[in-house]
Amino acid sequence: MKDTTIIEPAWIDLHLHLDGSISVKTARKIAGMQSISLPLSDERLKQSLSVMDDCRDLNEYLERFTLPCSLLHIREALYLSTYELLDELQAQGLRYAEIRFAPQKSTAVGMSQYEAAEIVLRAIRDEGMRCGLIVSMMRGDDNQKENRETIEVARQLYGKGVVAVDLAGAEALYPTRMFREEFELVHKAGVPLVVHAGEAAGADSVREAIEAGAVRIGHGVRALEDPEVVKMLVDRKVTLELCPTSNLNTGIFKSYAEYPLRKLLDAGVRVTINTDNMTVSNTTLRDEWRHMIETFDLTYDEIQLISQYTKEACLS
């Protein structure tokens, strides 16, 4: 194992979901604020928040968001979950992060999307860590109004802590091409676009995200199924937000040895290493880097190259 205290990566996480990274300790606090019952033992609660080794696919993975999303419907819960997540990131040694969440999922008891985003930004300011906020639209066939509201929230708060609009959710069920009108509205709002693509769906999904003007793509690993899409990534300098453990959880790869980091690097694709969901995937950024360094015997120059790609991909 290489000593990562000597070969120091960029401790920056660009793909980190707030709802998928709520710790057991924080979940108990914010559930208590709302008189929501949780499993009595921490072990059972952790099982409710994290995937098991036999997780079959992305759709099953996404089921682990049901509980944390149910806890984020009041201002105090959003504030505390954000604040404590950033505290944890700082304790882990991170220097910068871009966290993302879908404000439309926090409106069930009267909070508007704008209010939800603003309270997360307030927690970021109060905690003090350098951090940008990405607001996520959700894939679906009946939430166009909510997605348009998310875009408007991003327009109003861009430059005030919001750094991009994302598209997240069940990629195989709701293809990227379904959201062309939303992508156009993001561009008209003058806000950078990032898209989850090439995870549950193939290279065509990545192509559609690139053609939509995404500056970064969440995951994107299935771009390798089409050399022309890989060339598009390289030529247009679109960065991939790689999340290795998450992709093992969702069954895209069976082991870290199968993970295509080396293939992407050798092809000249700009890659970054991230966690996706620290609690759902039971991981940290240091875990992700360690897996990649050990599995692929990354050289000093390769670690520095990925770190440089990461720094250049930051949106604030």
C-alpha atoms as a PDB file:
ATOM      1  CA  MET A   1       0.000   0.000   0.000  1.00  0.00           C
ATOM      2  CA  LYS A   2       1.288   3.425  -0.947  1.00  0.00           C
ATOM      3  CA  ASP A   3       1.505   5.953   1.884  1.00  0.00           C
ATOM      4  CA  THR A   4      -1.095   8.587   1.007  1.00  0.00           C
ATOM      5  CA  THR A   5       0.320  10.938   3.642  1.00  0.00           C
ATOM      6  CA  ILE A   6       3.364  11.243   1.366  1.00  0.00           C
ATOM      7  CA  ILE A   7       1.636  10.970  -2.006  1.00  0.00           C
ATOM      8  CA  GLU A   8      -1.131  13.393  -1.126  1.00  0.00           C
ATOM      9  CA  PRO A   9      -4.250  13.470  -3.320  1.00  0.00           C
ATOM     10  CA  ALA A  10      -6.587  16.420  -3.545  1.00  0.00           C
ATOM     11  CA  TRP A  11      -8.953  15.953  -0.637  1.00  0.00           C
ATOM     12  CA  ILE A  12     -11.901  17.293  -2.623  1.00  0.00           C
ATOM     13  CA  ASP A  13     -15.261  15.536  -3.069  1.00  0.00           C
ATOM     14  CA  LEU A  14     -17.277  16.781  -6.026  1.00  0.00           C
ATOM     15  CA  HIS A  15     -20.052  14.169  -5.959  1.00  0.00           C
ATOM     16  CA  LEU A  16     -21.591  13.904  -2.505  1.00  0.00           C
ATOM     17  CA  HIS A  17     -25.315  13.595  -1.787  1.00  0.00           C
ATOM     18  CA  LEU A  18     -26.536  15.152   1.442  1.00  0.00           C
ATOM     19  CA  ASP A  19     -29.375  12.697   1.988  1.00  0.00           C
ATOM     20  CA  GLY A  20     -27.140   9.704   1.274  1.00  0.00           C
ATOM     21  CA  SER A  21     -24.523  10.863   3.777  1.00  0.00           C
ATOM     22  CA  ILE A  22     -26.565  11.414   6.941  1.00  0.00           C
ATOM     23  CA  SER A  23     -24.860   9.580   9.797  1.00  0.00           C
ATOM     24  CA  VAL A  24     -26.659   7.400  12.333  1.00  0.00           C
ATOM     25  CA  LYS A  25     -25.968  10.013  15.007  1.00  0.00           C
ATOM     26  CA  THR A  26     -27.412  12.850  12.921  1.00  0.00           C
ATOM     27  CA  ALA A  27     -30.402  10.753  11.831  1.00  0.00           C
ATOM     28  CA  ARG A  28     -31.343  10.199  15.478  1.00  0.00           C
ATOM     29  CA  LYS A  29     -31.106  13.911  16.231  1.00  0.00           C
ATOM     30  CA  ILE A  30     -33.233  15.080  13.329  1.00  0.00           C
ATOM     31  CA  ALA A  31     -35.770  12.272  13.785  1.00  0.00           C
ATOM     32  CA  GLY A  32     -36.149  13.341  17.407  1.00  0.00           C
ATOM     33  CA  MET A  33     -36.946  16.879  16.284  1.00  0.00           C
ATOM     34  CA  GLN A  34     -39.927  15.500  14.367  1.00  0.00           C
ATOM     35  CA  SER A  35     -41.057  12.632  16.629  1.00  0.00           C
ATOM     36  CA  ILE A  36     -40.189  10.148  13.885  1.00  0.00           C
ATOM     37  CA  SER A  37     -39.591   6.593  15.099  1.00  0.00           C
ATOM     38  CA  LEU A  38     -36.338   4.890  14.140  1.00  0.00           C
ATOM     39  CA  PRO A  39     -34.957   1.387  14.816  1.00  0.00           C
ATOM     40  CA  LEU A  40     -33.846   1.182  18.442  1.00  0.00           C
ATOM     41  CA  SER A  41     -30.366  -0.180  17.817  1.00  0.00           C
ATOM     42  CA  ASP A  42     -27.717   1.748  15.909  1.00  0.00           C
ATOM     43  CA  GLU A  43     -26.910  -1.421  13.999  1.00  0.00           C
ATOM     44  CA  ARG A  44     -30.470  -1.753  12.710  1.00  0.00           C
ATOM     45  CA  LEU A  45     -30.598   1.939  11.865  1.00  0.00           C
ATOM     46  CA  LYS A  46     -27.332   1.684   9.943  1.00  0.00           C
ATOM     47  CA  GLN A  47     -28.837  -1.218   7.986  1.00  0.00           C
ATOM     48  CA  SER A  48     -31.787   1.003   7.088  1.00  0.00           C
ATOM     49  CA  LEU A  49     -29.445   3.727   5.835  1.00  0.00           C
ATOM     50  CA  SER A  50     -26.814   1.588   4.063  1.00  0.00           C
ATOM     51  CA  VAL A  51     -26.860  -1.008   1.295  1.00  0.00           C
ATOM     52  CA  MET A  52     -25.972  -4.626   1.900  1.00  0.00           C
ATOM     53  CA  ASP A  53     -23.381  -6.587  -0.071  1.00  0.00           C
ATOM     54  CA  ASP A  54     -26.127  -8.234  -2.146  1.00  0.00           C
ATOM     55  CA  CYS A  55     -27.557  -4.976  -3.534  1.00  0.00           C
ATOM     56  CA  ARG A  56     -28.763  -5.833  -7.053  1.00  0.00           C
ATOM     57  CA  ASP A  57     -28.894  -2.561  -8.990  1.00  0.00           C
ATOM     58  CA  LEU A  58     -29.332   1.211  -8.906  1.00  0.00           C
ATOM     59  CA  ASN A  59     -33.067   0.994  -8.285  1.00  0.00           C
ATOM     60  CA  GLU A  60     -32.498  -1.077  -5.121  1.00  0.00           C
ATOM     61  CA  TYR A  61     -29.670   1.271  -4.109  1.00  0.00           C
ATOM     62  CA  LEU A  62     -32.030   4.237  -4.399  1.00  0.00           C
ATOM     63  CA  GLU A  63     -34.428   2.597  -1.934  1.00  0.00           C
ATOM     64  CA  ARG A  64     -31.960   3.493   0.843  1.00  0.00           C
ATOM     65  CA  PHE A  65     -32.848   7.152   0.329  1.00  0.00           C
ATOM     66  CA  THR A  66     -36.431   6.725   1.490  1.00  0.00           C
ATOM     67  CA  LEU A  67     -35.652   7.069   5.196  1.00  0.00           C
ATOM     68  CA  PRO A  68     -33.162   9.971   5.062  1.00  0.00           C
ATOM     69  CA  CYS A  69     -35.352  11.920   2.655  1.00  0.00           C
ATOM     70  CA  SER A  70     -38.262  11.521   5.084  1.00  0.00           C
ATOM     71  CA  LEU A  71     -36.150  13.276   7.732  1.00  0.00           C
ATOM     72  CA  LEU A  72     -35.386  16.407   5.696  1.00  0.00           C
ATOM     73  CA  HIS A  73     -38.748  18.187   5.629  1.00  0.00           C
ATOM     74  CA  ILE A  74     -38.127  20.848   8.286  1.00  0.00           C
ATOM     75  CA  ARG A  75     -35.606  23.672   8.368  1.00  0.00           C
ATOM     76  CA  GLU A  76     -33.880  22.519  11.543  1.00  0.00           C
ATOM     77  CA  ALA A  77     -33.256  19.054  10.106  1.00  0.00           C
ATOM     78  CA  LEU A  78     -31.812  20.369   6.854  1.00  0.00           C
ATOM     79  CA  TYR A  79     -29.604  22.801   8.738  1.00  0.00           C
ATOM     80  CA  LEU A  80     -28.257  20.261  11.229  1.00  0.00           C
ATOM     81  CA  SER A  81     -27.687  17.500   8.665  1.00  0.00           C
ATOM     82  CA  THR A  82     -25.691  19.885   6.473  1.00  0.00           C
ATOM     83  CA  TYR A  83     -23.714  21.354   9.355  1.00  0.00           C
ATOM     84  CA  GLU A  84     -22.791  17.982  10.828  1.00  0.00           C
ATOM     85  CA  LEU A  85     -21.872  16.524   7.428  1.00  0.00           C
ATOM     86  CA  LEU A  86     -19.443  19.381   6.832  1.00  0.00           C
ATOM     87  CA  ASP A  87     -18.020  18.935  10.336  1.00  0.00           C
ATOM     88  CA  GLU A  88     -17.373  15.296   9.475  1.00  0.00           C
ATOM     89  CA  LEU A  89     -15.743  16.188   6.151  1.00  0.00           C
ATOM     90  CA  GLN A  90     -13.431  18.626   7.884  1.00  0.00           C
ATOM     91  CA  ALA A  91     -12.528  15.977  10.464  1.00  0.00           C
ATOM     92  CA  GLN A  92     -11.647  13.629   7.602  1.00  0.00           C
ATOM     93  CA  GLY A  93      -9.273  16.230   6.194  1.00  0.00           C
ATOM     94  CA  LEU A  94     -11.269  17.434   3.190  1.00  0.00           C
ATOM     95  CA  ARG A  95     -10.381  20.882   1.893  1.00  0.00           C
ATOM     96  CA  TYR A  96     -13.400  21.501  -0.327  1.00  0.00           C
ATOM     97  CA  ALA A  97     -16.624  19.740  -1.274  1.00  0.00           C
ATOM     98  CA  GLU A  98     -19.642  20.235  -3.467  1.00  0.00           C
ATOM     99  CA  ILE A  99     -22.671  18.680  -1.813  1.00  0.00           C
ATOM    100  CA  ARG A 100     -25.914  18.146  -3.659  1.00  0.00           C
ATOM    101  CA  PHE A 101     -29.525  17.622  -2.741  1.00  0.00           C
ATOM    102  CA  ALA A 102     -32.964  17.849  -4.355  1.00  0.00           C
ATOM    103  CA  PRO A 103     -34.881  20.708  -2.719  1.00  0.00           C
ATOM    104  CA  GLN A 104     -38.122  19.388  -4.238  1.00  0.00           C
ATOM    105  CA  LYS A 105     -37.851  16.421  -1.846  1.00  0.00           C
ATOM    106  CA  SER A 106     -38.020  18.714   1.218  1.00  0.00           C
ATOM    107  CA  THR A 107     -41.345  20.440   0.550  1.00  0.00           C
ATOM    108  CA  ALA A 108     -43.858  17.957   2.022  1.00  0.00           C
ATOM    109  CA  VAL A 109     -44.727  20.037   5.103  1.00  0.00           C
ATOM    110  CA  GLY A 110     -44.779  23.527   3.656  1.00  0.00           C
ATOM    111  CA  MET A 111     -41.151  24.526   3.044  1.00  0.00           C
ATOM    112  CA  SER A 112     -40.522  25.906  -0.454  1.00  0.00           C
ATOM    113  CA  GLN A 113     -37.604  24.751  -2.609  1.00  0.00           C
ATOM    114  CA  TYR A 114     -36.030  28.188  -2.242  1.00  0.00           C
ATOM    115  CA  GLU A 115     -36.287  28.007   1.548  1.00  0.00           C
ATOM    116  CA  ALA A 116     -34.795  24.502   1.547  1.00  0.00           C
ATOM    117  CA  ALA A 117     -31.821  25.577  -0.547  1.00  0.00           C
ATOM    118  CA  GLU A 118     -31.317  28.750   1.478  1.00  0.00           C
ATOM    119  CA  ILE A 119     -31.230  26.876   4.789  1.00  0.00           C
ATOM    120  CA  VAL A 120     -28.587  24.487   3.435  1.00  0.00           C
ATOM    121  CA  LEU A 121     -26.546  27.481   2.269  1.00  0.00           C
ATOM    122  CA  ARG A 122     -26.902  29.065   5.710  1.00  0.00           C
ATOM    123  CA  ALA A 123     -25.520  25.918   7.326  1.00  0.00           C
ATOM    124  CA  ILE A 124     -22.588  25.953   4.896  1.00  0.00           C
ATOM    125  CA  ARG A 125     -21.827  29.570   5.756  1.00  0.00           C
ATOM    126  CA  ASP A 126     -22.132  28.996   9.498  1.00  0.00           C
ATOM    127  CA  GLU A 127     -19.971  25.851   9.539  1.00  0.00           C
ATOM    128  CA  GLY A 128     -17.246  27.589   7.575  1.00  0.00           C
ATOM    129  CA  MET A 129     -15.868  24.852   5.316  1.00  0.00           C
ATOM    130  CA  ARG A 130     -15.323  25.792   1.678  1.00  0.00           C
ATOM    131  CA  CYS A 131     -18.286  24.153  -0.002  1.00  0.00           C
ATOM    132  CA  GLY A 132     -20.504  24.669  -3.034  1.00  0.00           C
ATOM    133  CA  LEU A 133     -24.125  23.568  -3.298  1.00  0.00           C
ATOM    134  CA  ILE A 134     -25.533  21.703  -6.304  1.00  0.00           C
ATOM    135  CA  VAL A 135     -29.329  21.561  -6.497  1.00  0.00           C
ATOM    136  CA  SER A 136     -30.680  18.427  -8.146  1.00  0.00           C
ATOM    137  CA  MET A 137     -33.592  17.992 -10.478  1.00  0.00           C
ATOM    138  CA  MET A 138     -35.105  14.518 -10.295  1.00  0.00           C
ATOM    139  CA  ARG A 139     -35.777  12.054 -13.081  1.00  0.00           C
ATOM    140  CA  GLY A 140     -39.476  11.299 -13.385  1.00  0.00           C
ATOM    141  CA  ASP A 141     -42.427  11.739 -15.720  1.00  0.00           C
ATOM    142  CA  ASP A 142     -44.714  13.824 -13.518  1.00  0.00           C
ATOM    143  CA  ASN A 143     -42.459  16.405 -11.857  1.00  0.00           C
ATOM    144  CA  GLN A 144     -41.750  18.905 -14.634  1.00  0.00           C
ATOM    145  CA  LYS A 145     -43.138  21.740 -12.508  1.00  0.00           C
ATOM    146  CA  GLU A 146     -40.901  20.819  -9.584  1.00  0.00           C
ATOM    147  CA  ASN A 147     -37.818  20.575 -11.812  1.00  0.00           C
ATOM    148  CA  ARG A 148     -38.516  23.983 -13.298  1.00  0.00           C
ATOM    149  CA  GLU A 149     -38.817  25.404  -9.809  1.00  0.00           C
ATOM    150  CA  THR A 150     -35.426  23.853  -8.960  1.00  0.00           C
ATOM    151  CA  ILE A 151     -33.925  25.632 -11.961  1.00  0.00           C
ATOM    152  CA  GLU A 152     -35.433  28.940 -10.859  1.00  0.00           C
ATOM    153  CA  VAL A 153     -34.022  28.445  -7.359  1.00  0.00           C
ATOM    154  CA  ALA A 154     -30.593  27.851  -8.887  1.00  0.00           C
ATOM    155  CA  ARG A 155     -30.932  30.994 -11.010  1.00  0.00           C
ATOM    156  CA  GLN A 156     -31.737  33.091  -7.956  1.00  0.00           C
ATOM    157  CA  LEU A 157     -28.991  31.616  -5.758  1.00  0.00           C
ATOM    158  CA  TYR A 158     -26.239  31.126  -8.345  1.00  0.00           C
ATOM    159  CA  GLY A 159     -23.199  33.035  -7.175  1.00  0.00           C
ATOM    160  CA  LYS A 160     -24.589  33.007  -3.640  1.00  0.00           C
ATOM    161  CA  GLY A 161     -23.478  29.477  -2.839  1.00  0.00           C
ATOM    162  CA  VAL A 162     -25.273  27.442  -5.503  1.00  0.00           C
ATOM    163  CA  VAL A 163     -22.748  26.335  -8.128  1.00  0.00           C
ATOM    164  CA  ALA A 164     -24.727  24.076 -10.506  1.00  0.00           C
ATOM    165  CA  VAL A 165     -27.933  22.233 -11.343  1.00  0.00           C
ATOM    166  CA  ASP A 166     -27.822  18.426 -11.413  1.00  0.00           C
ATOM    167  CA  LEU A 167     -30.107  15.726 -12.803  1.00  0.00           C
ATOM    168  CA  ALA A 168     -30.339  12.657 -10.559  1.00  0.00           C
ATOM    169  CA  GLY A 169     -32.533   9.602 -10.057  1.00  0.00           C
ATOM    170  CA  ALA A 170     -33.509   6.417 -11.875  1.00  0.00           C
ATOM    171  CA  GLU A 171     -31.566   6.788 -15.109  1.00  0.00           C
ATOM    172  CA  ALA A 172     -32.720   3.544 -16.745  1.00  0.00           C
ATOM    173  CA  LEU A 173     -36.397   4.303 -16.106  1.00  0.00           C
ATOM    174  CA  TYR A 174     -36.257   7.963 -17.182  1.00  0.00           C
ATOM    175  CA  PRO A 175     -33.687   8.442 -19.981  1.00  0.00           C
ATOM    176  CA  THR A 176     -31.531  11.538 -20.167  1.00  0.00           C
ATOM    177  CA  ARG A 177     -33.151  12.609 -23.447  1.00  0.00           C
ATOM    178  CA  MET A 178     -36.447  13.166 -21.593  1.00  0.00           C
ATOM    179  CA  PHE A 179     -35.029  16.311 -19.982  1.00  0.00           C
ATOM    180  CA  ARG A 180     -33.893  18.352 -22.977  1.00  0.00           C
ATOM    181  CA  GLU A 181     -36.303  21.193 -22.199  1.00  0.00           C
ATOM    182  CA  GLU A 182     -35.032  21.365 -18.622  1.00  0.00           C
ATOM    183  CA  PHE A 183     -31.428  21.439 -19.829  1.00  0.00           C
ATOM    184  CA  GLU A 184     -32.245  24.380 -22.094  1.00  0.00           C
ATOM    185  CA  LEU A 185     -33.791  26.239 -19.169  1.00  0.00           C
ATOM    186  CA  VAL A 186     -30.652  25.617 -17.073  1.00  0.00           C
ATOM    187  CA  HIS A 187     -28.521  27.148 -19.800  1.00  0.00           C
ATOM    188  CA  LYS A 188     -30.869  30.117 -20.166  1.00  0.00           C
ATOM    189  CA  ALA A 189     -30.555  30.658 -16.415  1.00  0.00           C
ATOM    190  CA  GLY A 190     -26.774  30.893 -16.823  1.00  0.00           C
ATOM    191  CA  VAL A 191     -26.062  28.076 -14.363  1.00  0.00           C
ATOM    192  CA  PRO A 192     -23.612  25.198 -14.996  1.00  0.00           C
ATOM    193  CA  LEU A 193     -25.190  21.812 -15.666  1.00  0.00           C
ATOM    194  CA  VAL A 194     -24.032  18.468 -14.272  1.00  0.00           C
ATOM    195  CA  VAL A 195     -25.818  15.193 -15.069  1.00  0.00           C
ATOM    196  CA  HIS A 196     -25.870  11.688 -13.641  1.00  0.00           C
ATOM    197  CA  ALA A 197     -25.360   9.499 -16.720  1.00  0.00           C
ATOM    198  CA  GLY A 198     -23.661   6.294 -17.822  1.00  0.00           C
ATOM    199  CA  GLU A 199     -24.437   4.471 -14.591  1.00  0.00           C
ATOM    200  CA  ALA A 200     -27.676   2.471 -14.948  1.00  0.00           C
ATOM    201  CA  ALA A 201     -27.890   3.325 -18.659  1.00  0.00           C
ATOM    202  CA  GLY A 202     -25.225   2.989 -21.331  1.00  0.00           C
ATOM    203  CA  ALA A 203     -22.999   5.202 -23.438  1.00  0.00           C
ATOM    204  CA  ASP A 204     -25.926   6.866 -25.221  1.00  0.00           C
ATOM    205  CA  SER A 205     -26.943   8.424 -21.918  1.00  0.00           C
ATOM    206  CA  VAL A 206     -23.468   9.913 -21.584  1.00  0.00           C
ATOM    207  CA  ARG A 207     -23.609  11.174 -25.162  1.00  0.00           C
ATOM    208  CA  GLU A 208     -26.936  12.883 -24.453  1.00  0.00           C
ATOM    209  CA  ALA A 209     -25.508  14.524 -21.332  1.00  0.00           C
ATOM    210  CA  ILE A 210     -22.489  15.798 -23.255  1.00  0.00           C
ATOM    211  CA  GLU A 211     -24.671  17.114 -26.067  1.00  0.00           C
ATOM    212  CA  ALA A 212     -26.865  18.805 -23.439  1.00  0.00           C
ATOM    213  CA  GLY A 213     -23.840  20.838 -22.353  1.00  0.00           C
ATOM    214  CA  ALA A 214     -22.987  19.122 -19.063  1.00  0.00           C
ATOM    215  CA  VAL A 215     -19.666  20.373 -17.700  1.00  0.00           C
ATOM    216  CA  ARG A 216     -19.369  17.285 -15.484  1.00  0.00           C
ATOM    217  CA  ILE A 217     -21.012  13.876 -15.542  1.00  0.00           C
ATOM    218  CA  GLY A 218     -21.808  11.872 -12.452  1.00  0.00           C
ATOM    219  CA  HIS A 219     -20.324   8.396 -12.888  1.00  0.00           C
ATOM    220  CA  GLY A 220     -20.158   8.160 -16.704  1.00  0.00           C
ATOM    221  CA  VAL A 221     -18.268   4.863 -16.567  1.00  0.00           C
ATOM    222  CA  ARG A 222     -20.344   3.225 -19.285  1.00  0.00           C
ATOM    223  CA  ALA A 223     -19.037   5.737 -21.804  1.00  0.00           C
ATOM    224  CA  LEU A 224     -16.389   3.091 -22.480  1.00  0.00           C
ATOM    225  CA  GLU A 225     -19.038   1.055 -24.303  1.00  0.00           C
ATOM    226  CA  ASP A 226     -18.690   3.490 -27.234  1.00  0.00           C
ATOM    227  CA  PRO A 227     -15.246   4.806 -28.306  1.00  0.00           C
ATOM    228  CA  GLU A 228     -16.901   7.784 -29.986  1.00  0.00           C
ATOM    229  CA  VAL A 229     -18.433   8.873 -26.683  1.00  0.00           C
ATOM    230  CA  VAL A 230     -15.039   8.553 -24.996  1.00  0.00           C
ATOM    231  CA  LYS A 231     -13.602  10.787 -27.727  1.00  0.00           C
ATOM    232  CA  MET A 232     -16.364  13.330 -27.056  1.00  0.00           C
ATOM    233  CA  LEU A 233     -15.443  13.389 -23.365  1.00  0.00           C
ATOM    234  CA  VAL A 234     -11.797  13.978 -24.193  1.00  0.00           C
ATOM    235  CA  ASP A 235     -12.337  16.526 -26.965  1.00  0.00           C
ATOM    236  CA  ARG A 236     -14.833  18.591 -24.962  1.00  0.00           C
ATOM    237  CA  LYS A 237     -12.910  18.225 -21.686  1.00  0.00           C
ATOM    238  CA  VAL A 238     -15.965  16.972 -19.803  1.00  0.00           C
ATOM    239  CA  THR A 239     -15.015  15.676 -16.359  1.00  0.00           C
ATOM    240  CA  LEU A 240     -16.317  12.411 -14.901  1.00  0.00           C
ATOM    241  CA  GLU A 241     -17.228  12.273 -11.215  1.00  0.00           C
ATOM    242  CA  LEU A 242     -16.194   8.688 -10.477  1.00  0.00           C
ATOM    243  CA  CYS A 243     -17.664   6.963  -7.404  1.00  0.00           C
ATOM    244  CA  PRO A 244     -16.080   3.476  -7.308  1.00  0.00           C
ATOM    245  CA  THR A 245     -17.715   1.881  -4.255  1.00  0.00           C
ATOM    246  CA  SER A 246     -21.154   3.125  -5.274  1.00  0.00           C
ATOM    247  CA  ASN A 247     -20.739   1.515  -8.694  1.00  0.00           C
ATOM    248  CA  LEU A 248     -19.843  -1.780  -7.045  1.00  0.00           C
ATOM    249  CA  ASN A 249     -22.907  -1.448  -4.817  1.00  0.00           C
ATOM    250  CA  THR A 250     -25.183  -1.014  -7.837  1.00  0.00           C
ATOM    251  CA  GLY A 251     -23.718  -4.033  -9.619  1.00  0.00           C
ATOM    252  CA  ILE A 252     -22.033  -2.268 -12.515  1.00  0.00           C
ATOM    253  CA  PHE A 253     -18.728  -3.907 -11.525  1.00  0.00           C
ATOM    254  CA  LYS A 254     -18.036  -6.918  -9.327  1.00  0.00           C
ATOM    255  CA  SER A 255     -14.714  -5.741  -7.878  1.00  0.00           C
ATOM    256  CA  TYR A 256     -12.397  -2.759  -7.697  1.00  0.00           C
ATOM    257  CA  ALA A 257     -10.111  -4.608 -10.120  1.00  0.00           C
ATOM    258  CA  GLU A 258     -12.887  -4.376 -12.746  1.00  0.00           C
ATOM    259  CA  TYR A 259     -13.340  -0.662 -12.187  1.00  0.00           C
ATOM    260  CA  PRO A 260     -12.282   1.246 -15.355  1.00  0.00           C
ATOM    261  CA  LEU A 261     -10.156   3.960 -13.765  1.00  0.00           C
ATOM    262  CA  ARG A 262      -7.037   2.864 -15.647  1.00  0.00           C
ATOM    263  CA  LYS A 263      -8.878   2.605 -18.975  1.00  0.00           C
ATOM    264  CA  LEU A 264     -10.339   6.078 -18.579  1.00  0.00           C
ATOM    265  CA  LEU A 265      -7.013   7.591 -17.576  1.00  0.00           C
ATOM    266  CA  ASP A 266      -5.209   5.928 -20.484  1.00  0.00           C
ATOM    267  CA  ALA A 267      -7.879   7.239 -22.860  1.00  0.00           C
ATOM    268  CA  GLY A 268      -7.226  10.796 -21.663  1.00  0.00           C
ATOM    269  CA  VAL A 269     -10.572  11.277 -19.914  1.00  0.00           C
ATOM    270  CA  ARG A 270     -10.608  13.809 -17.103  1.00  0.00           C
ATOM    271  CA  VAL A 271     -11.546  11.820 -13.981  1.00  0.00           C
ATOM    272  CA  THR A 272     -12.115  12.642 -10.325  1.00  0.00           C
ATOM    273  CA  ILE A 273     -12.610  10.326  -7.325  1.00  0.00           C
ATOM    274  CA  ASN A 274     -15.614  10.837  -5.055  1.00  0.00           C
ATOM    275  CA  THR A 275     -17.867   9.095  -2.530  1.00  0.00           C
ATOM    276  CA  ASP A 276     -21.412   9.591  -3.902  1.00  0.00           C
ATOM    277  CA  ASN A 277     -23.094   8.646  -0.598  1.00  0.00           C
ATOM    278  CA  MET A 278     -20.912   8.149   2.459  1.00  0.00           C
ATOM    279  CA  THR A 279     -23.604   6.458   4.543  1.00  0.00           C
ATOM    280  CA  VAL A 280     -25.479   4.516   1.872  1.00  0.00           C
ATOM    281  CA  SER A 281     -22.180   3.125   0.530  1.00  0.00           C
ATOM    282  CA  ASN A 282     -20.438   3.059   3.927  1.00  0.00           C
ATOM    283  CA  THR A 283     -17.376   4.863   2.600  1.00  0.00           C
ATOM    284  CA  THR A 284     -15.206   7.970   2.890  1.00  0.00           C
ATOM    285  CA  LEU A 285     -13.126   9.863   0.363  1.00  0.00           C
ATOM    286  CA  ARG A 286      -9.952   8.428   1.862  1.00  0.00           C
ATOM    287  CA  ASP A 287     -11.401   4.927   1.411  1.00  0.00           C
ATOM    288  CA  GLU A 288     -12.118   5.642  -2.257  1.00  0.00           C
ATOM    289  CA  TRP A 289      -8.620   6.959  -2.928  1.00  0.00           C
ATOM    290  CA  ARG A 290      -7.056   4.049  -1.047  1.00  0.00           C
ATOM    291  CA  HIS A 291      -8.981   1.509  -3.108  1.00  0.00           C
ATOM    292  CA  MET A 292      -7.883   3.143  -6.363  1.00  0.00           C
ATOM    293  CA  ILE A 293      -4.247   3.623  -5.314  1.00  0.00           C
ATOM    294  CA  GLU A 294      -3.900   0.038  -4.117  1.00  0.00           C
ATOM    295  CA  THR A 295      -5.850  -1.604  -6.931  1.00  0.00           C
ATOM    296  CA  PHE A 296      -4.173   0.214  -9.802  1.00  0.00           C
ATOM    297  CA  ASP A 297      -0.806   0.913  -8.197  1.00  0.00           C
ATOM    298  CA  LEU A 298      -1.207   4.571  -9.077  1.00  0.00           C
ATOM    299  CA  THR A 299       2.023   6.474  -9.542  1.00  0.00           C
ATOM    300  CA  TYR A 300       2.811   9.837  -8.018  1.00  0.00           C
ATOM    301  CA  ASP A 301       2.243  11.485 -11.408  1.00  0.00           C
ATOM    302  CA  GLU A 302      -1.134   9.777 -11.839  1.00  0.00           C
ATOM    303  CA  ILE A 303      -2.306  10.855  -8.397  1.00  0.00           C
ATOM    304  CA  GLN A 304      -1.224  14.388  -9.161  1.00  0.00           C
ATOM    305  CA  LEU A 305      -2.975  14.293 -12.548  1.00  0.00           C
ATOM    306  CA  ILE A 306      -6.289  13.166 -11.019  1.00  0.00           C
ATOM    307  CA  SER A 307      -5.855  15.811  -8.330  1.00  0.00           C
ATOM    308  CA  GLN A 308      -5.291  18.456 -10.983  1.00  0.00           C
ATOM    309  CA  TYR A 309      -8.395  17.350 -12.879  1.00  0.00           C
ATOM    310  CA  THR A 310     -10.311  17.600  -9.600  1.00  0.00           C
ATOM    311  CA  LYS A 311      -9.135  21.117  -8.811  1.00  0.00           C
ATOM    312  CA  GLU A 312      -9.918  22.292 -12.342  1.00  0.00           C
ATOM    313  CA  ALA A 313     -13.418  20.798 -12.160  1.00  0.00           C
ATOM    314  CA  CYS A 314     -14.407  22.712  -8.989  1.00  0.00           C
ATOM    315  CA  LEU A 315     -17.280  25.077  -9.727  1.00  0.00           C
ATOM    316  CA  SER A 316     -16.445  27.666  -7.066  1.00  0.00           C
END
